[in-house]
Every structure is written in C-alpha cells, then in structure tokens.
Amino acid sequence: MAGRRPQLRTILPLILIAAVFATTTLVWLYVDRTPPNWDDALYLTNSLTIYDALTHGGLIGWVAKAESAFTFRAPLIAMLPTPFYLVLGRHWHAAYLVNIGSMILLFAAVYDLARRWWNNRPGVFAVLIVGTMPLLYGLATWFMVEYTLTAVAAAAVWLLIDSDGLTRHGVVVLFGVASGLGLLLKASFSMFILFPFLYFWFK
C-alpha cells in the first residue's frame, strides 16, 4: 500500500503548500531591492555570460563558455537559467526560477519518501518541516548552488529507493542522470549519495 502512486486528491495539500512557498519566495524576490553579492552575484553574472555565448555562438559556444566560466567550480548552476532567459528575456531575476523548480523537486521527493513508509499525512508534515527550515528558506531567495544541490540529492535518494534494489532499470538510469547532474553542481554531492548507493548495491 505504501508504494502505491498517490491520487490527485491525496497530493492536493502538497500542491497547495508548494504553491504557498513558491509564491512567498517570488514575492520576497520582487520586493527585495538589495543587489546580489558574493557567490550569488558570481553565479548570476556567469549565467548571463553563458547565455550570451548561446545567443552569439550557438550550442557549441554555450558549452564552451560553460566549461571556461569557472576555474574550480562545477558549471551546471550557471547553465540552468538559460531556458528561463530564452523564454523571459535576458533579465537576471529570471534565474531565481531555478530555485522554484528545485523547490518543487525537493518537496515532491520528501513527500513521496515519507508517504511510502507511513502515509500522506507524514508526507505533508515532512514538506512543511523542509520548507520552513531557516537555512533552506533563506537559500531559496539567493541564487546559490546549495538549494538546487539539496533538491537533486533528495531526488537521487528518492530514485534509489524507488529502484527496488536497483532492479528497475529505467529508474536506475534516472538515478544515474540525477547523480551526474549533482556532480555537475558540486563535487561534494558524492558524499551525500555514495553510502546510500553502496548500501543498495551490496544489498
């Protein structure tokens, strides 16, 4: 029973909670007039530079610029805003929509993990706890790698558990994709996923 897919009426609280957190984040970003600084500004600047490489040099230029944008950091965080720039225009505020997408992914992973082992109500409480954690709630209003990294790590664990001991090959492929994306966000991603993966591998 715990592993059955939830119906729409059972995930309606999750949708409402996600909508509230996403809305409050967007409202804060709209009213906040302080300029980006530190890593926030670095990632935003590089995201615009990489987008400009796409508009002038095409896909090859986009990839080449992404490879050279950072000297010692993984490039994916600065590449993720590109679709939003293509749709909404070259406005650095659009990059924060990456956080909204990461938020939805994080909430879905946490909700389904709690629902599998208990039921829908603990899933809702798990999302509320994650959504109101001060560090995560604050990171949602900065364009930093950590929020997206948290979401991808949670999704990777979610897929690992959903793979039924690495027997569902399609899910295992998705887990591999999530792991690759996590490493392209930050090398420390391996620290979060290695031991759960080894557990399922040896089991």
N, C-alpha and C. Protein backbone atom coordinates (compact mmCIF):
# COMPACT_ATOMS: atom_id res chain seq x y z
N MET A 1 0.82 -1.21 0.00
CA MET A 1 0.00 0.00 0.00
C MET A 1 0.85 1.27 0.00
N ALA A 2 1.98 1.22 0.78
CA ALA A 2 2.78 2.43 0.92
C ALA A 2 3.43 2.84 -0.38
N GLY A 3 3.65 1.87 -1.27
CA GLY A 3 4.34 2.20 -2.50
C GLY A 3 3.44 2.61 -3.64
N ARG A 4 2.11 2.59 -3.42
CA ARG A 4 1.19 2.97 -4.49
C ARG A 4 1.31 4.43 -4.82
N ARG A 5 1.07 4.75 -6.10
CA ARG A 5 1.15 6.14 -6.54
C ARG A 5 -0.02 6.92 -5.95
N PRO A 6 0.25 8.14 -5.44
CA PRO A 6 -0.83 8.93 -4.85
C PRO A 6 -1.77 9.47 -5.91
N GLN A 7 -3.04 9.59 -5.55
CA GLN A 7 -4.02 10.19 -6.43
C GLN A 7 -4.00 11.71 -6.24
N LEU A 8 -4.66 12.41 -7.16
CA LEU A 8 -4.62 13.86 -7.15
C LEU A 8 -5.14 14.43 -5.83
N ARG A 9 -6.22 13.86 -5.30
CA ARG A 9 -6.80 14.42 -4.08
C ARG A 9 -5.87 14.24 -2.88
N THR A 10 -5.02 13.21 -2.91
CA THR A 10 -4.12 12.98 -1.79
C THR A 10 -2.90 13.89 -1.84
N ILE A 11 -2.54 14.35 -3.04
CA ILE A 11 -1.38 15.24 -3.14
C ILE A 11 -1.79 16.70 -3.23
N LEU A 12 -3.09 16.97 -3.12
CA LEU A 12 -3.55 18.36 -3.17
C LEU A 12 -2.92 19.22 -2.07
N PRO A 13 -2.80 18.71 -0.82
CA PRO A 13 -2.10 19.51 0.19
C PRO A 13 -0.66 19.82 -0.20
N LEU A 14 0.02 18.87 -0.82
CA LEU A 14 1.39 19.10 -1.27
C LEU A 14 1.43 20.22 -2.30
N ILE A 15 0.50 20.19 -3.25
CA ILE A 15 0.44 21.22 -4.28
C ILE A 15 0.19 22.59 -3.67
N LEU A 16 -0.72 22.66 -2.70
CA LEU A 16 -1.03 23.94 -2.06
C LEU A 16 0.16 24.48 -1.27
N ILE A 17 0.83 23.58 -0.54
CA ILE A 17 1.99 24.01 0.25
C ILE A 17 3.10 24.50 -0.68
N ALA A 18 3.36 23.76 -1.74
CA ALA A 18 4.39 24.17 -2.70
C ALA A 18 4.04 25.52 -3.32
N ALA A 19 2.76 25.72 -3.63
CA ALA A 19 2.33 27.00 -4.21
C ALA A 19 2.55 28.14 -3.23
N VAL A 20 2.28 27.91 -1.95
CA VAL A 20 2.46 28.96 -0.94
C VAL A 20 3.94 29.33 -0.81
N PHE A 21 4.80 28.32 -0.69
CA PHE A 21 6.22 28.60 -0.54
C PHE A 21 6.80 29.26 -1.80
N ALA A 22 6.39 28.79 -2.97
CA ALA A 22 6.88 29.38 -4.20
C ALA A 22 6.41 30.84 -4.33
N THR A 23 5.17 31.11 -3.96
CA THR A 23 4.63 32.47 -4.05
C THR A 23 5.34 33.41 -3.10
N THR A 24 5.52 32.97 -1.84
CA THR A 24 6.20 33.84 -0.87
C THR A 24 7.64 34.11 -1.29
N THR A 25 8.29 33.12 -1.89
CA THR A 25 9.66 33.33 -2.37
C THR A 25 9.70 34.36 -3.49
N LEU A 26 8.77 34.23 -4.45
CA LEU A 26 8.72 35.17 -5.56
C LEU A 26 8.37 36.58 -5.09
N VAL A 27 7.47 36.69 -4.10
CA VAL A 27 7.11 38.00 -3.56
C VAL A 27 8.33 38.64 -2.90
N TRP A 28 9.07 37.84 -2.13
CA TRP A 28 10.26 38.38 -1.48
C TRP A 28 11.27 38.86 -2.52
N LEU A 29 11.48 38.07 -3.56
CA LEU A 29 12.43 38.47 -4.60
C LEU A 29 11.97 39.75 -5.31
N TYR A 30 10.66 39.95 -5.39
CA TYR A 30 10.13 41.14 -6.05
C TYR A 30 10.34 42.39 -5.20
N VAL A 31 10.15 42.27 -3.89
CA VAL A 31 10.24 43.45 -3.03
C VAL A 31 11.67 43.70 -2.55
N ASP A 32 12.53 42.69 -2.62
CA ASP A 32 13.91 42.86 -2.16
C ASP A 32 14.71 43.66 -3.19
N ARG A 33 15.24 44.78 -2.79
CA ARG A 33 15.97 45.66 -3.71
C ARG A 33 17.48 45.63 -3.49
N THR A 34 17.95 44.80 -2.58
CA THR A 34 19.39 44.74 -2.36
C THR A 34 20.07 44.02 -3.52
N PRO A 35 21.21 44.52 -3.97
CA PRO A 35 21.89 43.90 -5.12
C PRO A 35 22.52 42.57 -4.71
N PRO A 36 22.66 41.65 -5.65
CA PRO A 36 23.35 40.38 -5.35
C PRO A 36 24.81 40.63 -4.99
N ASN A 37 25.36 39.76 -4.18
CA ASN A 37 26.78 39.87 -3.84
C ASN A 37 27.37 38.49 -3.60
N TRP A 38 28.68 38.45 -3.46
CA TRP A 38 29.41 37.22 -3.22
C TRP A 38 29.08 36.16 -4.26
N ASP A 39 28.88 34.92 -3.83
CA ASP A 39 28.63 33.84 -4.79
C ASP A 39 27.34 34.05 -5.57
N ASP A 40 26.36 34.66 -4.94
CA ASP A 40 25.10 34.97 -5.61
C ASP A 40 25.35 35.78 -6.88
N ALA A 41 26.15 36.84 -6.75
CA ALA A 41 26.47 37.68 -7.90
C ALA A 41 27.34 36.95 -8.92
N LEU A 42 28.27 36.13 -8.42
CA LEU A 42 29.15 35.38 -9.33
C LEU A 42 28.35 34.44 -10.22
N TYR A 43 27.46 33.67 -9.62
CA TYR A 43 26.66 32.72 -10.40
C TYR A 43 25.73 33.43 -11.37
N LEU A 44 25.13 34.53 -10.93
CA LEU A 44 24.24 35.27 -11.81
C LEU A 44 25.00 35.86 -13.00
N THR A 45 26.16 36.43 -12.72
CA THR A 45 26.97 37.01 -13.79
C THR A 45 27.37 35.95 -14.81
N ASN A 46 27.82 34.82 -14.33
CA ASN A 46 28.23 33.75 -15.23
C ASN A 46 27.04 33.16 -15.99
N SER A 47 25.88 33.14 -15.36
CA SER A 47 24.70 32.63 -16.07
C SER A 47 24.35 33.52 -17.26
N LEU A 48 24.51 34.83 -17.09
CA LEU A 48 24.26 35.76 -18.20
C LEU A 48 25.35 35.64 -19.26
N THR A 49 26.58 35.45 -18.83
CA THR A 49 27.69 35.30 -19.78
C THR A 49 27.51 34.03 -20.62
N ILE A 50 27.10 32.95 -19.97
CA ILE A 50 26.87 31.69 -20.69
C ILE A 50 25.69 31.82 -21.64
N TYR A 51 24.65 32.53 -21.21
CA TYR A 51 23.50 32.75 -22.10
C TYR A 51 23.92 33.58 -23.31
N ASP A 52 24.74 34.61 -23.11
CA ASP A 52 25.22 35.41 -24.23
C ASP A 52 26.02 34.57 -25.22
N ALA A 53 26.78 33.61 -24.69
CA ALA A 53 27.55 32.72 -25.57
C ALA A 53 26.61 31.87 -26.43
N LEU A 54 25.46 31.51 -25.88
CA LEU A 54 24.48 30.74 -26.66
C LEU A 54 23.88 31.59 -27.77
N THR A 55 23.53 32.82 -27.46
CA THR A 55 22.89 33.68 -28.46
C THR A 55 23.85 34.09 -29.57
N HIS A 56 25.15 34.14 -29.26
CA HIS A 56 26.12 34.56 -30.26
C HIS A 56 26.85 33.39 -30.93
N GLY A 57 27.07 32.32 -30.19
CA GLY A 57 27.85 31.21 -30.73
C GLY A 57 27.11 29.91 -30.85
N GLY A 58 25.80 29.91 -30.51
CA GLY A 58 25.02 28.70 -30.62
C GLY A 58 25.36 27.71 -29.50
N LEU A 59 24.93 26.48 -29.71
CA LEU A 59 25.08 25.45 -28.67
C LEU A 59 26.56 25.18 -28.37
N ILE A 60 27.40 25.18 -29.40
CA ILE A 60 28.82 24.94 -29.18
C ILE A 60 29.43 26.05 -28.33
N GLY A 61 29.08 27.28 -28.62
CA GLY A 61 29.56 28.40 -27.83
C GLY A 61 29.06 28.34 -26.40
N TRP A 62 27.83 27.89 -26.24
CA TRP A 62 27.22 27.77 -24.90
C TRP A 62 28.00 26.77 -24.05
N VAL A 63 28.29 25.60 -24.62
CA VAL A 63 29.02 24.56 -23.90
C VAL A 63 30.46 25.01 -23.62
N ALA A 64 31.08 25.62 -24.62
CA ALA A 64 32.47 26.06 -24.45
C ALA A 64 32.58 27.12 -23.35
N LYS A 65 31.63 28.04 -23.33
CA LYS A 65 31.68 29.08 -22.30
C LYS A 65 31.40 28.50 -20.92
N ALA A 66 30.51 27.52 -20.86
CA ALA A 66 30.22 26.89 -19.57
C ALA A 66 31.45 26.19 -19.01
N GLU A 67 32.24 25.60 -19.89
CA GLU A 67 33.45 24.91 -19.44
C GLU A 67 34.50 25.86 -18.91
N SER A 68 34.52 27.08 -19.42
CA SER A 68 35.55 28.04 -19.03
C SER A 68 35.06 29.11 -18.06
N ALA A 69 33.78 29.06 -17.69
CA ALA A 69 33.22 30.12 -16.85
C ALA A 69 33.79 30.10 -15.44
N PHE A 70 34.08 28.90 -14.93
CA PHE A 70 34.63 28.77 -13.58
C PHE A 70 36.00 28.10 -13.65
N THR A 71 36.84 28.49 -12.72
CA THR A 71 38.17 27.89 -12.69
C THR A 71 38.19 26.59 -11.90
N PHE A 72 37.42 26.53 -10.81
CA PHE A 72 37.46 25.33 -9.97
C PHE A 72 36.07 24.90 -9.49
N ARG A 73 35.02 25.47 -10.03
CA ARG A 73 33.66 25.12 -9.63
C ARG A 73 32.94 24.43 -10.77
N ALA A 74 31.99 23.57 -10.39
CA ALA A 74 31.16 22.89 -11.39
C ALA A 74 30.26 23.92 -12.08
N PRO A 75 29.97 23.75 -13.38
CA PRO A 75 29.32 24.82 -14.15
C PRO A 75 27.80 24.78 -14.21
N LEU A 76 27.18 23.69 -13.75
CA LEU A 76 25.76 23.49 -14.06
C LEU A 76 24.87 24.60 -13.50
N ILE A 77 25.16 25.09 -12.30
CA ILE A 77 24.29 26.09 -11.69
C ILE A 77 24.16 27.32 -12.57
N ALA A 78 25.22 27.69 -13.29
CA ALA A 78 25.16 28.87 -14.17
C ALA A 78 24.52 28.56 -15.51
N MET A 79 24.35 27.28 -15.83
CA MET A 79 23.72 26.88 -17.09
C MET A 79 22.21 26.73 -16.95
N LEU A 80 21.75 26.43 -15.75
CA LEU A 80 20.33 26.15 -15.54
C LEU A 80 19.39 27.31 -15.87
N PRO A 81 19.78 28.58 -15.68
CA PRO A 81 18.86 29.66 -16.01
C PRO A 81 18.64 29.88 -17.51
N THR A 82 19.45 29.27 -18.36
CA THR A 82 19.36 29.54 -19.80
C THR A 82 17.95 29.38 -20.36
N PRO A 83 17.23 28.29 -20.05
CA PRO A 83 15.85 28.18 -20.59
C PRO A 83 14.95 29.33 -20.16
N PHE A 84 15.13 29.80 -18.92
CA PHE A 84 14.30 30.91 -18.44
C PHE A 84 14.67 32.22 -19.15
N TYR A 85 15.94 32.42 -19.44
CA TYR A 85 16.35 33.60 -20.21
C TYR A 85 15.78 33.54 -21.62
N LEU A 86 15.76 32.35 -22.21
CA LEU A 86 15.23 32.21 -23.56
C LEU A 86 13.74 32.57 -23.61
N VAL A 87 13.02 32.21 -22.57
CA VAL A 87 11.57 32.44 -22.54
C VAL A 87 11.24 33.86 -22.07
N LEU A 88 11.90 34.32 -21.03
CA LEU A 88 11.53 35.57 -20.37
C LEU A 88 12.43 36.75 -20.73
N GLY A 89 13.52 36.47 -21.43
CA GLY A 89 14.43 37.54 -21.79
C GLY A 89 15.64 37.59 -20.87
N ARG A 90 16.60 38.41 -21.24
CA ARG A 90 17.86 38.46 -20.50
C ARG A 90 17.72 39.35 -19.26
N HIS A 91 17.01 38.83 -18.27
CA HIS A 91 16.81 39.52 -17.00
C HIS A 91 17.31 38.60 -15.90
N TRP A 92 18.27 39.06 -15.12
CA TRP A 92 18.90 38.16 -14.14
C TRP A 92 17.93 37.68 -13.08
N HIS A 93 16.82 38.40 -12.87
CA HIS A 93 15.84 37.92 -11.90
C HIS A 93 15.23 36.58 -12.31
N ALA A 94 15.20 36.32 -13.63
CA ALA A 94 14.61 35.06 -14.11
C ALA A 94 15.40 33.85 -13.63
N ALA A 95 16.66 34.05 -13.29
CA ALA A 95 17.48 32.92 -12.83
C ALA A 95 16.94 32.32 -11.54
N TYR A 96 16.24 33.11 -10.74
CA TYR A 96 15.73 32.60 -9.47
C TYR A 96 14.60 31.59 -9.66
N LEU A 97 14.07 31.50 -10.86
CA LEU A 97 13.08 30.46 -11.13
C LEU A 97 13.70 29.07 -11.04
N VAL A 98 15.02 28.99 -11.15
CA VAL A 98 15.70 27.71 -10.91
C VAL A 98 15.41 27.24 -9.49
N ASN A 99 15.39 28.17 -8.54
CA ASN A 99 15.08 27.81 -7.16
C ASN A 99 13.66 27.30 -7.01
N ILE A 100 12.74 27.89 -7.76
CA ILE A 100 11.35 27.45 -7.67
C ILE A 100 11.22 26.03 -8.20
N GLY A 101 11.87 25.74 -9.32
CA GLY A 101 11.86 24.37 -9.83
C GLY A 101 12.52 23.41 -8.87
N SER A 102 13.61 23.82 -8.25
CA SER A 102 14.29 22.98 -7.27
C SER A 102 13.41 22.75 -6.05
N MET A 103 12.68 23.76 -5.66
CA MET A 103 11.78 23.65 -4.52
C MET A 103 10.70 22.60 -4.78
N ILE A 104 10.12 22.63 -5.97
CA ILE A 104 9.08 21.65 -6.31
C ILE A 104 9.66 20.24 -6.32
N LEU A 105 10.86 20.08 -6.89
CA LEU A 105 11.50 18.77 -6.91
C LEU A 105 11.80 18.29 -5.49
N LEU A 106 12.33 19.16 -4.65
CA LEU A 106 12.65 18.79 -3.26
C LEU A 106 11.40 18.38 -2.50
N PHE A 107 10.34 19.16 -2.62
CA PHE A 107 9.11 18.85 -1.91
C PHE A 107 8.51 17.53 -2.38
N ALA A 108 8.54 17.29 -3.69
CA ALA A 108 7.99 16.03 -4.22
C ALA A 108 8.77 14.83 -3.71
N ALA A 109 10.09 14.94 -3.67
CA ALA A 109 10.92 13.82 -3.20
C ALA A 109 10.68 13.54 -1.73
N VAL A 110 10.69 14.60 -0.92
CA VAL A 110 10.50 14.43 0.53
C VAL A 110 9.10 13.89 0.83
N TYR A 111 8.11 14.42 0.13
CA TYR A 111 6.73 13.97 0.35
C TYR A 111 6.57 12.49 0.03
N ASP A 112 7.09 12.06 -1.12
CA ASP A 112 6.89 10.68 -1.53
C ASP A 112 7.68 9.71 -0.66
N LEU A 113 8.86 10.12 -0.20
CA LEU A 113 9.62 9.26 0.69
C LEU A 113 8.87 9.03 2.01
N ALA A 114 8.33 10.10 2.58
CA ALA A 114 7.57 9.96 3.82
C ALA A 114 6.28 9.18 3.59
N ARG A 115 5.64 9.40 2.45
CA ARG A 115 4.39 8.70 2.16
C ARG A 115 4.60 7.21 1.99
N ARG A 116 5.72 6.83 1.44
CA ARG A 116 5.99 5.41 1.20
C ARG A 116 6.05 4.62 2.50
N TRP A 117 6.72 5.20 3.49
CA TRP A 117 6.95 4.46 4.73
C TRP A 117 5.85 4.67 5.77
N TRP A 118 5.04 5.72 5.61
CA TRP A 118 3.96 5.95 6.54
C TRP A 118 2.66 6.18 5.75
N ASN A 119 2.27 7.43 5.58
CA ASN A 119 1.10 7.73 4.75
C ASN A 119 1.17 9.19 4.33
N ASN A 120 0.07 9.68 3.78
CA ASN A 120 0.09 11.03 3.21
C ASN A 120 0.32 12.13 4.24
N ARG A 121 -0.24 11.93 5.44
CA ARG A 121 -0.12 12.99 6.45
C ARG A 121 1.33 13.25 6.86
N PRO A 122 2.12 12.21 7.19
CA PRO A 122 3.55 12.48 7.45
C PRO A 122 4.27 13.11 6.25
N GLY A 123 3.82 12.77 5.05
CA GLY A 123 4.41 13.40 3.87
C GLY A 123 4.20 14.90 3.87
N VAL A 124 3.00 15.33 4.24
CA VAL A 124 2.71 16.76 4.31
C VAL A 124 3.55 17.43 5.39
N PHE A 125 3.64 16.77 6.57
CA PHE A 125 4.45 17.34 7.65
C PHE A 125 5.93 17.42 7.26
N ALA A 126 6.40 16.41 6.53
CA ALA A 126 7.80 16.42 6.09
C ALA A 126 8.07 17.62 5.18
N VAL A 127 7.14 17.90 4.28
CA VAL A 127 7.30 19.05 3.38
C VAL A 127 7.26 20.36 4.17
N LEU A 128 6.37 20.44 5.15
CA LEU A 128 6.30 21.65 5.97
C LEU A 128 7.60 21.88 6.74
N ILE A 129 8.16 20.81 7.27
CA ILE A 129 9.41 20.93 8.02
C ILE A 129 10.55 21.38 7.09
N VAL A 130 10.65 20.74 5.94
CA VAL A 130 11.71 21.10 4.99
C VAL A 130 11.52 22.54 4.50
N GLY A 131 10.29 22.89 4.19
CA GLY A 131 10.03 24.22 3.65
C GLY A 131 10.28 25.35 4.62
N THR A 132 10.16 25.07 5.91
CA THR A 132 10.33 26.13 6.91
C THR A 132 11.69 26.07 7.60
N MET A 133 12.55 25.17 7.20
CA MET A 133 13.91 25.18 7.76
C MET A 133 14.58 26.51 7.41
N PRO A 134 15.06 27.25 8.40
CA PRO A 134 15.58 28.60 8.14
C PRO A 134 16.65 28.64 7.05
N LEU A 135 17.58 27.69 7.08
CA LEU A 135 18.66 27.72 6.09
C LEU A 135 18.12 27.54 4.68
N LEU A 136 17.26 26.53 4.49
CA LEU A 136 16.71 26.29 3.16
C LEU A 136 15.80 27.42 2.73
N TYR A 137 14.98 27.93 3.65
CA TYR A 137 14.07 29.01 3.29
C TYR A 137 14.85 30.25 2.87
N GLY A 138 15.98 30.50 3.54
CA GLY A 138 16.82 31.63 3.15
C GLY A 138 17.51 31.41 1.82
N LEU A 139 18.00 30.19 1.60
CA LEU A 139 18.70 29.89 0.35
C LEU A 139 17.79 30.01 -0.86
N ALA A 140 16.48 29.85 -0.66
CA ALA A 140 15.54 29.95 -1.78
C ALA A 140 15.51 31.34 -2.39
N THR A 141 15.98 32.34 -1.64
CA THR A 141 15.97 33.71 -2.14
C THR A 141 17.34 34.16 -2.64
N TRP A 142 18.30 33.25 -2.68
CA TRP A 142 19.62 33.52 -3.25
C TRP A 142 19.87 32.56 -4.38
N PHE A 143 20.61 33.01 -5.35
CA PHE A 143 20.97 32.12 -6.46
C PHE A 143 22.29 31.43 -6.11
N MET A 144 22.17 30.42 -5.26
CA MET A 144 23.32 29.67 -4.80
C MET A 144 23.16 28.21 -5.23
N VAL A 145 24.26 27.49 -5.24
CA VAL A 145 24.22 26.11 -5.70
C VAL A 145 23.58 25.18 -4.68
N GLU A 146 23.60 25.57 -3.40
CA GLU A 146 23.21 24.63 -2.35
C GLU A 146 21.73 24.23 -2.38
N TYR A 147 20.85 25.15 -2.75
CA TYR A 147 19.43 24.79 -2.75
C TYR A 147 19.15 23.76 -3.84
N THR A 148 19.64 24.00 -5.03
CA THR A 148 19.46 23.06 -6.11
C THR A 148 20.16 21.74 -5.80
N LEU A 149 21.33 21.81 -5.18
CA LEU A 149 22.06 20.60 -4.80
C LEU A 149 21.25 19.77 -3.81
N THR A 150 20.60 20.42 -2.86
CA THR A 150 19.76 19.71 -1.90
C THR A 150 18.61 18.99 -2.61
N ALA A 151 18.00 19.67 -3.57
CA ALA A 151 16.88 19.07 -4.30
C ALA A 151 17.33 17.87 -5.12
N VAL A 152 18.46 18.00 -5.80
CA VAL A 152 18.95 16.90 -6.63
C VAL A 152 19.38 15.72 -5.76
N ALA A 153 20.00 16.00 -4.60
CA ALA A 153 20.38 14.91 -3.69
C ALA A 153 19.15 14.17 -3.17
N ALA A 154 18.11 14.92 -2.82
CA ALA A 154 16.88 14.29 -2.35
C ALA A 154 16.24 13.46 -3.47
N ALA A 155 16.26 14.00 -4.69
CA ALA A 155 15.69 13.27 -5.82
C ALA A 155 16.49 12.00 -6.12
N ALA A 156 17.82 12.06 -5.98
CA ALA A 156 18.65 10.88 -6.22
C ALA A 156 18.34 9.78 -5.22
N VAL A 157 18.21 10.15 -3.94
CA VAL A 157 17.84 9.15 -2.92
C VAL A 157 16.45 8.60 -3.19
N TRP A 158 15.55 9.47 -3.58
CA TRP A 158 14.18 9.07 -3.93
C TRP A 158 14.20 8.03 -5.05
N LEU A 159 14.95 8.30 -6.10
CA LEU A 159 15.04 7.36 -7.22
C LEU A 159 15.74 6.07 -6.81
N LEU A 160 16.74 6.18 -5.95
CA LEU A 160 17.46 5.00 -5.48
C LEU A 160 16.52 4.07 -4.73
N ILE A 161 15.69 4.62 -3.89
CA ILE A 161 14.72 3.80 -3.14
C ILE A 161 13.64 3.27 -4.07
N ASP A 162 13.23 4.08 -5.03
CA ASP A 162 12.18 3.67 -5.97
C ASP A 162 12.66 2.60 -6.95
N SER A 163 13.96 2.37 -7.00
CA SER A 163 14.50 1.39 -7.95
C SER A 163 14.32 -0.05 -7.50
N ASP A 164 13.76 -0.24 -6.30
CA ASP A 164 13.56 -1.60 -5.77
C ASP A 164 14.85 -2.41 -5.78
N GLY A 165 15.85 -1.87 -5.10
CA GLY A 165 17.12 -2.59 -5.03
C GLY A 165 17.86 -2.62 -6.35
N LEU A 166 17.77 -1.53 -7.12
CA LEU A 166 18.45 -1.40 -8.42
C LEU A 166 17.96 -2.42 -9.44
N THR A 167 16.70 -2.86 -9.31
CA THR A 167 16.15 -3.83 -10.26
C THR A 167 15.30 -3.16 -11.34
N ARG A 168 14.83 -1.97 -11.12
CA ARG A 168 14.04 -1.25 -12.12
C ARG A 168 14.99 -0.41 -12.96
N HIS A 169 15.32 -0.92 -14.13
CA HIS A 169 16.40 -0.36 -14.93
C HIS A 169 16.13 1.08 -15.36
N GLY A 170 14.88 1.40 -15.69
CA GLY A 170 14.57 2.77 -16.08
C GLY A 170 14.81 3.74 -14.95
N VAL A 171 14.44 3.36 -13.74
CA VAL A 171 14.65 4.22 -12.58
C VAL A 171 16.14 4.34 -12.26
N VAL A 172 16.87 3.24 -12.47
CA VAL A 172 18.32 3.28 -12.24
C VAL A 172 18.98 4.26 -13.20
N VAL A 173 18.52 4.28 -14.45
CA VAL A 173 19.07 5.24 -15.42
C VAL A 173 18.79 6.67 -14.95
N LEU A 174 17.58 6.93 -14.47
CA LEU A 174 17.25 8.26 -13.97
C LEU A 174 18.10 8.61 -12.75
N PHE A 175 18.37 7.61 -11.91
CA PHE A 175 19.26 7.84 -10.77
C PHE A 175 20.66 8.24 -11.25
N GLY A 176 21.14 7.57 -12.29
CA GLY A 176 22.44 7.92 -12.86
C GLY A 176 22.46 9.33 -13.40
N VAL A 177 21.37 9.73 -14.07
CA VAL A 177 21.27 11.10 -14.59
C VAL A 177 21.28 12.11 -13.44
N ALA A 178 20.50 11.83 -12.39
CA ALA A 178 20.46 12.73 -11.24
C ALA A 178 21.83 12.83 -10.58
N SER A 179 22.54 11.71 -10.50
CA SER A 179 23.87 11.72 -9.89
C SER A 179 24.84 12.54 -10.74
N GLY A 180 24.76 12.40 -12.05
CA GLY A 180 25.61 13.20 -12.92
C GLY A 180 25.33 14.68 -12.78
N LEU A 181 24.05 15.04 -12.72
CA LEU A 181 23.69 16.45 -12.53
C LEU A 181 24.18 16.96 -11.18
N GLY A 182 24.08 16.12 -10.16
CA GLY A 182 24.56 16.52 -8.84
C GLY A 182 26.04 16.81 -8.83
N LEU A 183 26.82 15.97 -9.52
CA LEU A 183 28.27 16.19 -9.59
C LEU A 183 28.60 17.44 -10.40
N LEU A 184 27.75 17.77 -11.38
CA LEU A 184 27.95 18.99 -12.15
C LEU A 184 27.56 20.24 -11.37
N LEU A 185 26.86 20.03 -10.26
CA LEU A 185 26.55 21.16 -9.38
C LEU A 185 27.66 21.40 -8.37
N LYS A 186 28.11 20.29 -7.74
CA LYS A 186 29.16 20.41 -6.73
C LYS A 186 29.75 19.03 -6.49
N ALA A 187 31.07 18.96 -6.38
CA ALA A 187 31.73 17.67 -6.22
C ALA A 187 31.33 16.99 -4.91
N SER A 188 30.95 17.76 -3.91
CA SER A 188 30.57 17.19 -2.62
C SER A 188 29.27 16.39 -2.70
N PHE A 189 28.57 16.45 -3.83
CA PHE A 189 27.35 15.66 -4.00
C PHE A 189 27.62 14.19 -3.74
N SER A 190 28.80 13.70 -4.12
CA SER A 190 29.12 12.29 -3.95
C SER A 190 29.09 11.87 -2.49
N MET A 191 29.37 12.79 -1.57
CA MET A 191 29.37 12.47 -0.15
C MET A 191 27.96 12.12 0.33
N PHE A 192 26.95 12.72 -0.30
CA PHE A 192 25.57 12.51 0.14
C PHE A 192 24.95 11.25 -0.45
N ILE A 193 25.44 10.81 -1.60
CA ILE A 193 24.79 9.71 -2.30
C ILE A 193 25.59 8.43 -2.29
N LEU A 194 26.88 8.50 -1.99
CA LEU A 194 27.75 7.33 -2.09
C LEU A 194 27.31 6.21 -1.15
N PHE A 195 27.12 6.51 0.11
CA PHE A 195 26.81 5.46 1.08
C PHE A 195 25.41 4.85 0.87
N PRO A 196 24.37 5.66 0.57
CA PRO A 196 23.09 5.03 0.22
C PRO A 196 23.20 4.13 -1.01
N PHE A 197 23.98 4.56 -2.00
CA PHE A 197 24.15 3.73 -3.21
C PHE A 197 24.87 2.43 -2.88
N LEU A 198 25.94 2.49 -2.10
CA LEU A 198 26.66 1.28 -1.73
C LEU A 198 25.78 0.33 -0.92
N TYR A 199 24.92 0.89 -0.07
CA TYR A 199 24.01 0.05 0.70
C TYR A 199 23.11 -0.76 -0.22
N PHE A 200 22.51 -0.09 -1.20
CA PHE A 200 21.62 -0.80 -2.12
C PHE A 200 22.41 -1.73 -3.04
N TRP A 201 23.61 -1.34 -3.39
CA TRP A 201 24.44 -2.17 -4.28
C TRP A 201 24.78 -3.50 -3.61
N PHE A 202 25.26 -3.45 -2.36
CA PHE A 202 25.64 -4.68 -1.67
C PHE A 202 24.43 -5.48 -1.22
N LYS A 203 23.34 -4.77 -0.95
CA LYS A 203 22.12 -5.48 -0.54
C LYS A 203 21.54 -6.29 -1.68
